[in-house]
């Protein structure tokens, strides 16, 4: 599972599976589900994410992780 946040567009994308989406469906204002060919949810897009969630923290509880990977990419300023 991968969480991606774009501060420029205030968009949060939660990638649930490493499968290509073939269809998208808006299920609530600003909430879009990406579906694969078998109509399984492979991703969730949340528009105006900072207005709907506290993005300053991510809390995980009781998930069967063998390892955690933290990645932060910052654009270099010229």
PDB file of N, CA and C in Angstrom:
ATOM      1  N   UNK A   1       0.853  -1.160   0.000  1.00  0.00           N
ATOM      2  CA  UNK A   1       0.000   0.000   0.000  1.00  0.00           C
ATOM      3  C   UNK A   1       0.903   1.228   0.000  1.00  0.00           C
ATOM      4  N   UNK A   2       0.519   2.208  -0.788  1.00  0.00           N
ATOM      5  CA  UNK A   2       1.326   3.407  -0.936  1.00  0.00           C
ATOM      6  C   UNK A   2       0.444   4.638  -0.783  1.00  0.00           C
ATOM      7  N   UNK A   3       0.886   5.582   0.032  1.00  0.00           N
ATOM      8  CA  UNK A   3       0.196   6.854   0.202  1.00  0.00           C
ATOM      9  C   UNK A   3       1.013   7.919  -0.514  1.00  0.00           C
ATOM     10  N   UNK A   4       0.376   8.699  -1.390  1.00  0.00           N
ATOM     11  CA  UNK A   4       1.050   9.794  -2.089  1.00  0.00           C
ATOM     12  C   UNK A   4       0.255  11.066  -1.880  1.00  0.00           C
ATOM     13  N   UNK A   5       0.940  12.108  -1.447  1.00  0.00           N
ATOM     14  CA  UNK A   5       0.278  13.400  -1.267  1.00  0.00           C
ATOM     15  C   UNK A   5       0.957  14.435  -2.139  1.00  0.00           C
ATOM     16  N   UNK A   6       0.153  15.199  -2.872  1.00  0.00           N
ATOM     17  CA  UNK A   6       0.659  16.287  -3.712  1.00  0.00           C
ATOM     18  C   UNK A   6       0.167  17.590  -3.099  1.00  0.00           C
ATOM     19  N   UNK A   7       1.073  18.333  -2.475  1.00  0.00           N
ATOM     20  CA  UNK A   7       0.700  19.573  -1.800  1.00  0.00           C
ATOM     21  C   UNK A   7       0.208  20.631  -2.787  1.00  0.00           C
ATOM     22  N   UNK A   8       0.731  20.608  -4.003  1.00  0.00           N
ATOM     23  CA  UNK A   8       0.326  21.593  -5.007  1.00  0.00           C
ATOM     24  C   UNK A   8      -1.136  21.485  -5.390  1.00  0.00           C
ATOM     25  N   UNK A   9      -1.648  20.275  -5.432  1.00  0.00           N
ATOM     26  CA  UNK A   9      -3.055  20.057  -5.787  1.00  0.00           C
ATOM     27  C   UNK A   9      -3.897  19.652  -4.581  1.00  0.00           C
ATOM     28  N   UNK A  10      -3.257  19.464  -3.416  1.00  0.00           N
ATOM     29  CA  UNK A  10      -3.915  19.003  -2.194  1.00  0.00           C
ATOM     30  C   UNK A  10      -4.666  17.696  -2.447  1.00  0.00           C
ATOM     31  N   UNK A  11      -3.982  16.787  -3.136  1.00  0.00           N
ATOM     32  CA  UNK A  11      -4.563  15.500  -3.506  1.00  0.00           C
ATOM     33  C   UNK A  11      -3.829  14.381  -2.789  1.00  0.00           C
ATOM     34  N   UNK A  12      -4.587  13.495  -2.142  1.00  0.00           N
ATOM     35  CA  UNK A  12      -4.030  12.309  -1.508  1.00  0.00           C
ATOM     36  C   UNK A  12      -4.455  11.104  -2.324  1.00  0.00           C
ATOM     37  N   UNK A  13      -3.491  10.260  -2.698  1.00  0.00           N
ATOM     38  CA  UNK A  13      -3.800   9.036  -3.425  1.00  0.00           C
ATOM     39  C   UNK A  13      -3.324   7.858  -2.601  1.00  0.00           C
ATOM     40  N   UNK A  14      -4.208   6.921  -2.383  1.00  0.00           N
ATOM     41  CA  UNK A  14      -3.881   5.700  -1.654  1.00  0.00           C
ATOM     42  C   UNK A  14      -3.915   4.557  -2.654  1.00  0.00           C
ATOM     43  N   UNK A  15      -2.739   4.023  -2.957  1.00  0.00           N
ATOM     44  CA  UNK A  15      -2.628   2.908  -3.900  1.00  0.00           C
ATOM     45  C   UNK A  15      -2.743   1.611  -3.118  1.00  0.00           C
ATOM     46  N   UNK A  16      -3.793   0.858  -3.389  1.00  0.00           N
ATOM     47  CA  UNK A  16      -4.054  -0.375  -2.658  1.00  0.00           C
ATOM     48  C   UNK A  16      -3.429  -1.596  -3.309  1.00  0.00           C
ATOM     49  N   UNK A  17      -3.268  -1.547  -4.620  1.00  0.00           N
ATOM     50  CA  UNK A  17      -2.716  -2.694  -5.355  1.00  0.00           C
ATOM     51  C   UNK A  17      -1.868  -2.174  -6.506  1.00  0.00           C
ATOM     52  N   UNK A  18      -0.895  -2.954  -6.901  1.00  0.00           N
ATOM     53  CA  UNK A  18      -0.018  -2.598  -8.015  1.00  0.00           C
ATOM     54  C   UNK A  18      -0.624  -3.126  -9.317  1.00  0.00           C
ATOM     55  N   UNK A  19      -1.846  -2.693  -9.586  1.00  0.00           N
ATOM     56  CA  UNK A  19      -2.604  -3.114 -10.754  1.00  0.00           C
ATOM     57  C   UNK A  19      -3.114  -1.881 -11.467  1.00  0.00           C
ATOM     58  N   UNK A  20      -3.134  -1.919 -12.783  1.00  0.00           N
ATOM     59  CA  UNK A  20      -3.600  -0.775 -13.565  1.00  0.00           C
ATOM     60  C   UNK A  20      -5.099  -0.574 -13.385  1.00  0.00           C
ATOM     61  N   UNK A  21      -5.487   0.681 -13.242  1.00  0.00           N
ATOM     62  CA  UNK A  21      -6.917   0.967 -13.178  1.00  0.00           C
ATOM     63  C   UNK A  21      -7.441   1.167 -14.600  1.00  0.00           C
ATOM     64  N   UNK A  22      -8.660   0.726 -14.814  1.00  0.00           N
ATOM     65  CA  UNK A  22      -9.285   0.869 -16.127  1.00  0.00           C
ATOM     66  C   UNK A  22     -10.533   1.730 -16.060  1.00  0.00           C
ATOM     67  N   UNK A  23     -10.955   2.040 -14.834  1.00  0.00           N
ATOM     68  CA  UNK A  23     -12.169   2.820 -14.657  1.00  0.00           C
ATOM     69  C   UNK A  23     -12.090   3.556 -13.333  1.00  0.00           C
ATOM     70  N   UNK A  24     -12.721   4.716 -13.266  1.00  0.00           N
ATOM     71  CA  UNK A  24     -12.792   5.486 -12.032  1.00  0.00           C
ATOM     72  C   UNK A  24     -14.245   5.829 -11.753  1.00  0.00           C
ATOM     73  N   UNK A  25     -14.570   5.884 -10.470  1.00  0.00           N
ATOM     74  CA  UNK A  25     -15.941   6.185 -10.075  1.00  0.00           C
ATOM     75  C   UNK A  25     -15.926   7.125  -8.881  1.00  0.00           C
ATOM     76  N   UNK A  26     -16.575   8.272  -9.016  1.00  0.00           N
ATOM     77  CA  UNK A  26     -16.691   9.204  -7.899  1.00  0.00           C
ATOM     78  C   UNK A  26     -17.818   8.709  -7.003  1.00  0.00           C
ATOM     79  N   UNK A  27     -17.483   8.334  -5.781  1.00  0.00           N
ATOM     80  CA  UNK A  27     -18.464   7.751  -4.864  1.00  0.00           C
ATOM     81  C   UNK A  27     -19.022   8.767  -3.869  1.00  0.00           C
ATOM     82  N   UNK A  28     -18.349   9.902  -3.745  1.00  0.00           N
ATOM     83  CA  UNK A  28     -18.773  11.021  -2.911  1.00  0.00           C
ATOM     84  C   UNK A  28     -18.053  12.243  -3.470  1.00  0.00           C
ATOM     85  N   UNK A  29     -18.535  13.439  -3.168  1.00  0.00           N
ATOM     86  CA  UNK A  29     -17.844  14.620  -3.686  1.00  0.00           C
ATOM     87  C   UNK A  29     -16.359  14.615  -3.306  1.00  0.00           C
ATOM     88  N   UNK A  30     -15.485  14.590  -4.321  1.00  0.00           N
ATOM     89  CA  UNK A  30     -14.045  14.629  -4.086  1.00  0.00           C
ATOM     90  C   UNK A  30     -13.405  13.302  -3.731  1.00  0.00           C
ATOM     91  N   UNK A  31     -14.171  12.216  -3.744  1.00  0.00           N
ATOM     92  CA  UNK A  31     -13.640  10.880  -3.443  1.00  0.00           C
ATOM     93  C   UNK A  31     -13.840  10.000  -4.667  1.00  0.00           C
ATOM     94  N   UNK A  32     -12.721   9.569  -5.243  1.00  0.00           N
ATOM     95  CA  UNK A  32     -12.761   8.783  -6.478  1.00  0.00           C
ATOM     96  C   UNK A  32     -12.095   7.433  -6.240  1.00  0.00           C
ATOM     97  N   UNK A  33     -12.771   6.367  -6.629  1.00  0.00           N
ATOM     98  CA  UNK A  33     -12.205   5.027  -6.555  1.00  0.00           C
ATOM     99  C   UNK A  33     -11.693   4.624  -7.923  1.00  0.00           C
ATOM    100  N   UNK A  34     -10.479   4.094  -7.988  1.00  0.00           N
ATOM    101  CA  UNK A  34      -9.933   3.522  -9.218  1.00  0.00           C
ATOM    102  C   UNK A  34     -10.173   2.022  -9.174  1.00  0.00           C
ATOM    103  N   UNK A  35     -10.707   1.486 -10.272  1.00  0.00           N
ATOM    104  CA  UNK A  35     -11.063   0.072 -10.356  1.00  0.00           C
ATOM    105  C   UNK A  35     -10.254  -0.616 -11.434  1.00  0.00           C
ATOM    106  N   UNK A  36      -9.931  -1.899 -11.207  1.00  0.00           N
ATOM    107  CA  UNK A  36      -9.237  -2.677 -12.231  1.00  0.00           C
ATOM    108  C   UNK A  36     -10.259  -3.325 -13.159  1.00  0.00           C
ATOM    109  N   UNK A  37      -9.807  -4.164 -14.056  1.00  0.00           N
ATOM    110  CA  UNK A  37     -10.681  -4.793 -15.044  1.00  0.00           C
ATOM    111  C   UNK A  37     -11.732  -5.690 -14.402  1.00  0.00           C
ATOM    112  N   UNK A  38     -11.455  -6.177 -13.204  1.00  0.00           N
ATOM    113  CA  UNK A  38     -12.408  -7.042 -12.503  1.00  0.00           C
ATOM    114  C   UNK A  38     -13.248  -6.270 -11.484  1.00  0.00           C
ATOM    115  N   UNK A  39     -13.180  -4.939 -11.564  1.00  0.00           N
ATOM    116  CA  UNK A  39     -13.920  -4.016 -10.698  1.00  0.00           C
ATOM    117  C   UNK A  39     -13.515  -4.089  -9.228  1.00  0.00           C
ATOM    118  N   UNK A  40     -12.255  -4.475  -8.966  1.00  0.00           N
ATOM    119  CA  UNK A  40     -11.695  -4.402  -7.620  1.00  0.00           C
ATOM    120  C   UNK A  40     -11.119  -3.002  -7.419  1.00  0.00           C
ATOM    121  N   UNK A  41     -11.256  -2.463  -6.236  1.00  0.00           N
ATOM    122  CA  UNK A  41     -10.700  -1.149  -5.936  1.00  0.00           C
ATOM    123  C   UNK A  41      -9.179  -1.274  -5.827  1.00  0.00           C
ATOM    124  N   UNK A  42      -8.460  -0.510  -6.649  1.00  0.00           N
ATOM    125  CA  UNK A  42      -6.997  -0.538  -6.624  1.00  0.00           C
ATOM    126  C   UNK A  42      -6.405   0.777  -6.115  1.00  0.00           C
ATOM    127  N   UNK A  43      -7.252   1.811  -5.996  1.00  0.00           N
ATOM    128  CA  UNK A  43      -6.766   3.087  -5.504  1.00  0.00           C
ATOM    129  C   UNK A  43      -7.896   3.996  -5.079  1.00  0.00           C
ATOM    130  N   UNK A  44      -7.572   4.922  -4.191  1.00  0.00           N
ATOM    131  CA  UNK A  44      -8.534   5.898  -3.695  1.00  0.00           C
ATOM    132  C   UNK A  44      -7.900   7.278  -3.824  1.00  0.00           C
ATOM    133  N   UNK A  45      -8.600   8.184  -4.475  1.00  0.00           N
ATOM    134  CA  UNK A  45      -8.125   9.557  -4.653  1.00  0.00           C
ATOM    135  C   UNK A  45      -9.008  10.474  -3.814  1.00  0.00           C
ATOM    136  N   UNK A  46      -8.378  11.324  -3.010  1.00  0.00           N
ATOM    137  CA  UNK A  46      -9.106  12.255  -2.155  1.00  0.00           C
ATOM    138  C   UNK A  46      -8.689  13.668  -2.519  1.00  0.00           C
ATOM    139  N   UNK A  47      -9.622  14.420  -3.089  1.00  0.00           N
ATOM    140  CA  UNK A  47      -9.377  15.812  -3.453  1.00  0.00           C
ATOM    141  C   UNK A  47      -9.523  16.685  -2.212  1.00  0.00           C
ATOM    142  N   UNK A  48      -8.812  17.819  -2.179  1.00  0.00           N
ATOM    143  CA  UNK A  48      -8.826  18.717  -1.016  1.00  0.00           C
ATOM    144  C   UNK A  48      -8.571  17.937   0.271  1.00  0.00           C
ATOM    145  N   UNK A  49      -7.570  17.083   0.221  1.00  0.00           N
ATOM    146  CA  UNK A  49      -7.301  16.141   1.311  1.00  0.00           C
ATOM    147  C   UNK A  49      -7.055  16.819   2.655  1.00  0.00           C
ATOM    148  N   UNK A  50      -6.349  17.933   2.662  1.00  0.00           N
ATOM    149  CA  UNK A  50      -6.034  18.581   3.940  1.00  0.00           C
ATOM    150  C   UNK A  50      -7.276  19.140   4.621  1.00  0.00           C
ATOM    151  N   UNK A  51      -8.348  19.317   3.878  1.00  0.00           N
ATOM    152  CA  UNK A  51      -9.600  19.794   4.466  1.00  0.00           C
ATOM    153  C   UNK A  51     -10.395  18.649   5.096  1.00  0.00           C
ATOM    154  N   UNK A  52     -10.070  17.409   4.719  1.00  0.00           N
ATOM    155  CA  UNK A  52     -10.816  16.253   5.201  1.00  0.00           C
ATOM    156  C   UNK A  52     -10.064  15.423   6.233  1.00  0.00           C
ATOM    157  N   UNK A  53      -8.747  15.592   6.307  1.00  0.00           N
ATOM    158  CA  UNK A  53      -7.957  14.741   7.199  1.00  0.00           C
ATOM    159  C   UNK A  53      -6.761  15.510   7.735  1.00  0.00           C
ATOM    160  N   UNK A  54      -6.290  15.111   8.904  1.00  0.00           N
ATOM    161  CA  UNK A  54      -5.072  15.658   9.498  1.00  0.00           C
ATOM    162  C   UNK A  54      -3.892  14.939   8.848  1.00  0.00           C
ATOM    163  N   UNK A  55      -3.243  15.609   7.909  1.00  0.00           N
ATOM    164  CA  UNK A  55      -2.151  14.984   7.160  1.00  0.00           C
ATOM    165  C   UNK A  55      -0.804  15.115   7.857  1.00  0.00           C
ATOM    166  N   UNK A  56      -0.789  15.679   9.044  1.00  0.00           N
ATOM    167  CA  UNK A  56       0.478  15.847   9.759  1.00  0.00           C
ATOM    168  C   UNK A  56       0.932  14.551  10.432  1.00  0.00           C
ATOM    169  N   UNK A  57       0.050  13.545  10.465  1.00  0.00           N
ATOM    170  CA  UNK A  57       0.450  12.289  11.081  1.00  0.00           C
ATOM    171  C   UNK A  57      -0.254  11.114  10.389  1.00  0.00           C
ATOM    172  N   UNK A  58       0.375   9.995  10.445  1.00  0.00           N
ATOM    173  CA  UNK A  58      -0.183   8.750   9.929  1.00  0.00           C
ATOM    174  C   UNK A  58      -0.016   7.716  11.032  1.00  0.00           C
ATOM    175  N   UNK A  59      -1.103   7.167  11.486  1.00  0.00           N
ATOM    176  CA  UNK A  59      -1.063   6.204  12.577  1.00  0.00           C
ATOM    177  C   UNK A  59      -1.440   4.830  12.039  1.00  0.00           C
ATOM    178  N   UNK A  60      -0.647   3.840  12.373  1.00  0.00           N
ATOM    179  CA  UNK A  60      -0.877   2.471  11.934  1.00  0.00           C
ATOM    180  C   UNK A  60      -0.968   1.604  13.179  1.00  0.00           C
ATOM    181  N   UNK A  61      -1.955   0.720  13.184  1.00  0.00           N
ATOM    182  CA  UNK A  61      -2.141  -0.116  14.361  1.00  0.00           C
ATOM    183  C   UNK A  61      -2.395  -1.563  13.962  1.00  0.00           C
ATOM    184  N   UNK A  62      -1.625  -2.456  14.536  1.00  0.00           N
ATOM    185  CA  UNK A  62      -1.827  -3.903  14.435  1.00  0.00           C
ATOM    186  C   UNK A  62      -1.852  -4.436  13.011  1.00  0.00           C
ATOM    187  N   UNK A  63      -1.053  -3.864  12.127  1.00  0.00           N
ATOM    188  CA  UNK A  63      -0.945  -4.395  10.775  1.00  0.00           C
ATOM    189  C   UNK A  63       0.248  -5.341  10.702  1.00  0.00           C
ATOM    190  N   UNK A  64       0.159  -6.386   9.902  1.00  0.00           N
ATOM    191  CA  UNK A  64       1.228  -7.399   9.863  1.00  0.00           C
ATOM    192  C   UNK A  64       2.413  -6.986   9.001  1.00  0.00           C
ATOM    193  N   UNK A  65       3.090  -5.908   9.387  1.00  0.00           N
ATOM    194  CA  UNK A  65       4.254  -5.440   8.630  1.00  0.00           C
ATOM    195  C   UNK A  65       5.511  -6.164   9.083  1.00  0.00           C
ATOM    196  N   UNK A  66       6.312  -6.595   8.132  1.00  0.00           N
ATOM    197  CA  UNK A  66       7.624  -7.112   8.483  1.00  0.00           C
ATOM    198  C   UNK A  66       8.659  -5.992   8.422  1.00  0.00           C
ATOM    199  N   UNK A  67       8.308  -4.926   7.681  1.00  0.00           N
ATOM    200  CA  UNK A  67       9.189  -3.754   7.627  1.00  0.00           C
ATOM    201  C   UNK A  67       8.376  -2.561   7.172  1.00  0.00           C
ATOM    202  N   UNK A  68       8.826  -1.391   7.539  1.00  0.00           N
ATOM    203  CA  UNK A  68       8.222  -0.141   7.098  1.00  0.00           C
ATOM    204  C   UNK A  68       9.214   0.596   6.228  1.00  0.00           C
ATOM    205  N   UNK A  69       8.723   1.222   5.192  1.00  0.00           N
ATOM    206  CA  UNK A  69       9.567   2.011   4.304  1.00  0.00           C
ATOM    207  C   UNK A  69       9.060   3.445   4.347  1.00  0.00           C
ATOM    208  N   UNK A  70       9.936   4.357   4.705  1.00  0.00           N
ATOM    209  CA  UNK A  70       9.587   5.769   4.749  1.00  0.00           C
ATOM    210  C   UNK A  70      10.290   6.461   3.592  1.00  0.00           C
ATOM    211  N   UNK A  71       9.537   7.236   2.853  1.00  0.00           N
ATOM    212  CA  UNK A  71      10.116   7.942   1.718  1.00  0.00           C
ATOM    213  C   UNK A  71       9.575   9.352   1.694  1.00  0.00           C
ATOM    214  N   UNK A  72      10.469  10.320   1.619  1.00  0.00           N
ATOM    215  CA  UNK A  72      10.065  11.708   1.501  1.00  0.00           C
ATOM    216  C   UNK A  72      10.899  12.322   0.390  1.00  0.00           C
ATOM    217  N   UNK A  73      10.212  12.809  -0.613  1.00  0.00           N
ATOM    218  CA  UNK A  73      10.900  13.451  -1.731  1.00  0.00           C
ATOM    219  C   UNK A  73      10.606  14.928  -1.710  1.00  0.00           C
ATOM    220  N   UNK A  74      11.644  15.714  -1.807  1.00  0.00           N
ATOM    221  CA  UNK A  74      11.478  17.171  -1.832  1.00  0.00           C
ATOM    222  C   UNK A  74      12.108  17.701  -3.101  1.00  0.00           C
ATOM    223  N   UNK A  75      11.384  18.556  -3.757  1.00  0.00           N
ATOM    224  CA  UNK A  75      11.923  19.179  -4.968  1.00  0.00           C
ATOM    225  C   UNK A  75      13.033  20.131  -4.555  1.00  0.00           C
ATOM    226  N   UNK A  76      14.130  20.071  -5.253  1.00  0.00           N
ATOM    227  CA  UNK A  76      15.243  20.971  -4.947  1.00  0.00           C
ATOM    228  C   UNK A  76      14.914  22.365  -5.468  1.00  0.00           C
ATOM    229  N   UNK A  77      15.266  23.334  -4.659  1.00  0.00           N
ATOM    230  CA  UNK A  77      15.015  24.728  -5.051  1.00  0.00           C
ATOM    231  C   UNK A  77      16.279  25.314  -5.630  1.00  0.00           C
ATOM    232  N   UNK A  78      16.118  25.946  -6.801  1.00  0.00           N
ATOM    233  CA  UNK A  78      17.245  26.406  -7.561  1.00  0.00           C
ATOM    234  C   UNK A  78      17.821  27.653  -7.130  1.00  0.00           C
TER     235      UNK A  78
END
